[in-house]
Protein backbone atom coordinates (compact mmCIF):
# COMPACT_ATOMS: atom_id res chain seq x y z
CA UNK A 1 27.59 7.80 -12.52
CA UNK A 2 26.03 4.42 -11.71
CA UNK A 3 24.44 3.87 -8.31
CA UNK A 4 23.44 0.51 -6.81
CA UNK A 5 20.42 0.42 -4.48
CA UNK A 6 18.04 -2.17 -3.09
CA UNK A 7 14.49 -1.30 -2.19
CA UNK A 8 10.81 -1.66 -2.82
CA UNK A 9 8.74 0.30 -5.31
CA UNK A 10 6.13 2.39 -3.48
CA UNK A 11 4.63 4.31 -6.41
CA UNK A 12 4.61 4.48 -10.19
CA UNK A 13 3.39 7.18 -12.51
CA UNK A 14 3.21 7.58 -16.28
CA UNK A 15 4.55 10.97 -17.30
CA UNK A 16 3.23 13.10 -20.22
CA UNK A 17 6.12 12.01 -22.46
CA UNK A 18 5.22 8.34 -21.84
CA UNK A 19 8.17 7.86 -19.54
CA UNK A 20 7.46 6.04 -16.31
CA UNK A 21 8.46 7.50 -12.95
CA UNK A 22 8.84 5.14 -10.01
CA UNK A 23 9.57 5.93 -6.37
CA UNK A 24 11.74 3.43 -4.52
CA UNK A 25 11.99 3.13 -0.74
CA UNK A 26 15.67 2.26 -0.44
CA UNK A 27 17.84 0.89 2.31
CA UNK A 28 20.07 3.93 2.80
CA UNK A 29 18.90 6.72 0.48
CA UNK A 30 15.33 7.21 1.62
CA UNK A 31 12.97 7.73 -1.30
CA UNK A 32 14.65 7.68 -4.71
CA UNK A 33 12.67 8.81 -7.76
CA UNK A 34 13.75 7.14 -10.97
CA UNK A 35 12.72 7.44 -14.62
CA UNK A 36 12.28 4.47 -16.94
CA UNK A 37 12.75 5.15 -20.66
CA UNK A 38 10.05 4.99 -23.30
CA UNK A 39 11.59 1.98 -25.06
CA UNK A 40 8.96 -0.77 -24.94
CA UNK A 41 11.47 -3.61 -24.81
CA UNK A 42 13.22 -1.99 -21.86
CA UNK A 43 9.93 -1.37 -20.03
CA UNK A 44 8.86 -4.98 -20.57
CA UNK A 45 12.20 -6.34 -19.35
CA UNK A 46 11.96 -4.42 -16.09
CA UNK A 47 8.18 -4.72 -15.61
CA UNK A 48 8.28 -7.18 -12.70
CA UNK A 49 11.21 -5.57 -10.87
CA UNK A 50 9.69 -2.07 -11.09
CA UNK A 51 6.11 -2.89 -10.12
CA UNK A 52 4.38 -2.14 -6.84
CA UNK A 53 5.11 -4.81 -4.20
CA UNK A 54 8.41 -5.69 -5.84
CA UNK A 55 11.51 -5.79 -3.66
CA UNK A 56 14.39 -5.48 -6.11
CA UNK A 57 17.97 -4.50 -6.69
CA UNK A 58 18.44 -1.52 -8.99
CA UNK A 59 21.29 -0.04 -10.96
CA UNK A 60 20.58 3.61 -11.56
CA UNK A 61 22.30 6.19 -13.70
CA UNK A 62 22.55 9.49 -11.86
CA UNK A 63 22.52 12.46 -14.20
CA UNK A 64 21.97 16.17 -13.82
CA UNK A 65 18.20 15.83 -14.09
CA UNK A 66 17.87 12.87 -11.70
CA UNK A 67 18.01 9.10 -11.80
CA UNK A 68 17.34 6.86 -14.78
CA UNK A 69 16.97 3.09 -14.57
CA UNK A 70 19.89 1.15 -16.02
CA UNK A 71 19.14 -2.35 -14.72
CA UNK A 72 16.89 -4.10 -12.19
CA UNK A 73 16.41 -7.57 -10.78
CA UNK A 74 13.50 -8.84 -8.70
CA UNK A 75 14.45 -10.26 -5.31
CA UNK A 76 11.00 -10.85 -3.80
CA UNK A 77 7.36 -10.48 -4.85
CA UNK A 78 4.55 -10.50 -2.31
CA UNK A 79 1.99 -12.47 -4.31
CA UNK A 80 -0.17 -13.27 -1.27
CA UNK A 81 -1.19 -9.62 -1.06
CA UNK A 82 -2.30 -8.96 -4.63
CA UNK A 83 -5.22 -11.42 -4.49
CA UNK A 84 -7.01 -9.53 -1.70
CA UNK A 85 -8.35 -6.03 -2.29
CA UNK A 86 -8.27 -5.02 1.39
CA UNK A 87 -4.63 -6.09 1.71
CA UNK A 88 -3.72 -4.29 -1.50
CA UNK A 89 -5.24 -1.00 -0.41
CA UNK A 90 -3.64 -1.30 3.00
CA UNK A 91 -0.28 -1.52 1.23
CA UNK A 92 -1.23 1.43 -1.00
CA UNK A 93 -1.83 3.35 2.23
CA UNK A 94 1.55 2.28 3.60
CA UNK A 95 3.16 3.48 0.37
CA UNK A 96 1.34 6.80 0.48
CA UNK A 97 2.28 7.32 4.09
CA UNK A 98 5.92 6.43 3.46
CA UNK A 99 6.15 8.86 0.55
CA UNK A 100 4.81 11.60 2.80
CA UNK A 101 7.08 10.84 5.77
CA UNK A 102 10.39 9.68 4.29
CA UNK A 103 12.59 12.30 2.67
CA UNK A 104 14.30 11.84 -0.68
CA UNK A 105 17.86 10.53 -0.45
CA UNK A 106 17.95 10.93 3.31
CA UNK A 107 16.75 7.70 4.82
CA UNK A 108 17.13 5.32 7.71
CA UNK A 109 17.34 1.61 6.90
CA UNK A 110 14.63 1.07 9.54
CA UNK A 111 12.03 2.47 7.13
CA UNK A 112 12.66 -0.26 4.57
CA UNK A 113 12.99 -2.88 7.29
CA UNK A 114 9.57 -1.93 8.67
CA UNK A 115 7.99 -2.07 5.22
CA UNK A 116 9.42 -5.49 4.41
CA UNK A 117 8.49 -6.85 7.83
CA UNK A 118 4.91 -5.61 7.47
CA UNK A 119 4.56 -6.97 3.93
CA UNK A 120 5.82 -10.37 5.07
CA UNK A 121 3.21 -10.47 7.86
CA UNK A 122 0.46 -9.48 5.43
CA UNK A 123 1.64 -11.89 2.75
CA UNK A 124 1.54 -14.82 5.16
CA UNK A 125 -1.57 -13.86 7.17
CA UNK A 126 0.41 -13.71 10.40
CA UNK A 127 -1.71 -10.98 12.05
CA UNK A 128 -5.10 -9.28 11.58
CA UNK A 129 -5.02 -6.38 9.14
CA UNK A 130 -5.80 -3.78 11.81
CA UNK A 131 -2.87 -4.99 13.90
CA UNK A 132 -0.50 -4.72 10.93
CA UNK A 133 -1.84 -1.25 10.19
CA UNK A 134 -1.40 -0.10 13.79
CA UNK A 135 2.12 -1.48 14.06
CA UNK A 136 3.15 0.17 10.79
CA UNK A 137 1.71 3.56 11.74
CA UNK A 138 3.20 3.66 15.22
CA UNK A 139 6.62 2.33 14.31
CA UNK A 140 6.85 4.59 11.25
CA UNK A 141 6.09 7.65 13.34
CA UNK A 142 8.73 6.59 15.88
CA UNK A 143 11.42 6.05 13.24
CA UNK A 144 10.60 9.43 11.71
CA UNK A 145 11.29 11.15 15.03
CA UNK A 146 7.81 11.21 16.56
CA UNK A 147 8.42 8.62 19.26
CA UNK A 148 5.81 8.91 22.03
CA UNK A 149 6.77 8.30 25.65
CA UNK A 150 4.93 5.10 26.58
CA UNK A 151 7.23 3.82 29.31
CA UNK A 152 5.42 5.28 32.33
CA UNK A 153 3.04 7.98 33.54
CA UNK A 154 4.40 11.43 32.77
CA UNK A 155 3.20 12.67 36.16
CA UNK A 156 4.03 10.07 38.83
CA UNK A 157 6.20 7.61 36.91
CA UNK A 158 3.85 4.65 37.40
CA UNK A 159 4.71 1.78 35.07
CA UNK A 160 1.58 -0.29 35.67
CA UNK A 161 -2.06 0.62 36.32
CA UNK A 162 -5.47 -0.73 35.38
CA UNK A 163 -5.71 1.92 32.69
CA UNK A 164 -3.69 4.75 31.25
CA UNK A 165 -4.52 7.70 29.03
CA UNK A 166 -2.54 8.46 25.89
CA UNK A 167 -2.09 12.20 25.47
CA UNK A 168 -2.06 13.07 21.75
CA UNK A 169 -0.91 16.65 22.30
CA UNK A 170 2.11 15.75 24.44
CA UNK A 171 2.76 12.24 23.05
CA UNK A 172 2.87 10.63 26.48
CA UNK A 173 1.00 8.54 29.04
CA UNK A 174 -0.92 9.63 32.11
CA UNK A 175 -2.35 7.37 34.77
CA UNK A 176 -5.97 7.98 35.82
CA UNK A 177 -4.80 9.87 38.94
CA UNK A 178 -2.52 12.28 37.09
CA UNK A 179 -4.45 12.82 33.88
CA UNK A 180 -5.91 16.28 33.36
CA UNK A 181 -5.34 16.52 29.58
CA UNK A 182 -8.38 16.69 27.31
CA UNK A 183 -7.17 15.23 24.00
CA UNK A 184 -6.56 11.70 25.25
CA UNK A 185 -7.47 8.07 24.56
CA UNK A 186 -8.03 5.56 27.35
CA UNK A 187 -5.99 2.40 26.96
CA UNK A 188 -6.19 -0.77 29.00
CA UNK A 189 -3.43 -3.11 30.17
CA UNK A 190 -3.33 -5.44 27.19
CA UNK A 191 -3.34 -2.56 24.73
CA UNK A 192 -0.50 -0.87 26.59
CA UNK A 193 1.54 -4.08 26.43
CA UNK A 194 1.03 -4.14 22.67
CA UNK A 195 1.86 -0.45 22.36
CA UNK A 196 5.10 -0.90 24.28
CA UNK A 197 6.03 -3.94 22.22
CA UNK A 198 5.62 -2.00 18.98
CA UNK A 199 7.55 1.05 20.10
CA UNK A 200 10.18 -0.29 22.50
CA UNK A 201 11.16 -3.67 21.01
CA UNK A 202 13.82 -4.42 18.43
CA UNK A 203 12.52 -4.65 14.88
CA UNK A 204 12.26 -8.46 14.88
CA UNK A 205 9.79 -8.44 17.77
CA UNK A 206 7.39 -5.64 16.91
CA UNK A 207 4.63 -8.10 15.98
CA UNK A 208 5.23 -10.45 18.91
CA UNK A 209 2.05 -9.72 20.87
CA UNK A 210 -1.59 -10.76 20.82
CA UNK A 211 -4.69 -8.74 21.62
CA UNK A 212 -8.38 -9.40 22.14
CA UNK A 213 -10.88 -7.97 19.67
CA UNK A 214 -11.39 -4.95 21.93
CA UNK A 215 -7.64 -4.52 22.34
CA UNK A 216 -7.13 -4.54 18.58
CA UNK A 217 -9.80 -1.87 18.12
CA UNK A 218 -8.28 0.24 20.89
CA UNK A 219 -4.76 0.05 19.46
CA UNK A 220 -5.99 0.67 15.91
CA UNK A 221 -7.90 3.80 16.93
CA UNK A 222 -4.96 5.14 18.92
CA UNK A 223 -2.44 4.56 16.13
CA UNK A 224 -4.59 6.11 13.42
CA UNK A 225 -5.43 9.17 15.50
CA UNK A 226 -1.75 9.61 16.39
CA UNK A 227 -0.85 9.35 12.72
CA UNK A 228 -3.35 12.09 11.89
CA UNK A 229 -1.99 14.23 14.73
CA UNK A 230 1.55 13.94 13.37
CA UNK A 231 0.88 14.24 9.64
CA UNK A 232 -2.18 16.53 9.67
CA UNK A 233 -3.13 14.90 6.37
CA UNK A 234 -5.89 12.70 4.98
CA UNK A 235 -4.83 9.71 2.88
CA UNK A 236 -7.15 8.64 0.07
CA UNK A 237 -5.96 5.02 0.08
CA UNK A 238 -6.73 4.74 3.79
CA UNK A 239 -10.30 5.86 3.24
CA UNK A 240 -10.74 3.29 0.46
CA UNK A 241 -9.26 0.56 2.69
CA UNK A 242 -11.74 1.41 5.44
CA UNK A 243 -14.67 1.38 3.02
CA UNK A 244 -13.65 -2.07 1.73
CA UNK A 245 -13.42 -3.40 5.28
CA UNK A 246 -16.86 -1.94 6.10
CA UNK A 247 -18.37 -3.58 3.02
CA UNK A 248 -16.93 -6.96 3.93
CA UNK A 249 -18.37 -6.72 7.45
CA UNK A 250 -21.86 -6.23 5.98
CA UNK A 251 -21.63 -9.25 3.70
């Protein structure tokens, strides 16, 4: 049976029998794992469409042992990312995180929409890298069912205050008067505005905010710590991305 899907390749692996296995984040099937045959002409013909950072349309043959690539056509390549090592490893982290969070053949189109939106912003230098990273982490967690309550204080219902505390254990906000939780992060007004924009806006507006340098650092720390709280996993590509960023700061 032939199956038509559109999506972006998030990983590729050469198998012991020289076949190539790619994982595609699709619009409506979650992660789809697909084999590419050992024929060199076939591999060369589909090289661009099946590479990392390629948004493509795929025709897959579904057999008893899984999917096999029948045809593919590139729809978009994000060339502005490949020239910068820090951008590239940030995308590798996104891919690694997506593969961990999104289930095979059980997806929400919002996953792919978030990935494409984030890649577009990176490709065109629309936002600082740490902002893109924070938006991706927070929105991904929300789509996956780990949506924190950031509308108001869990205790008194206050919508505005000079500062709030984000409670990692209960995924909610406390104002300074109500907060008694220990595992929290203090967030200021501008950071809270950004946090609410990311989590409560429609997908087209999740990047429509600006933060000061301190606000970016605050949001980035919160998002990464929340990601760790949800996944309970270390991601190798994230550590490499952070090392590259540290090296560039020293230069």
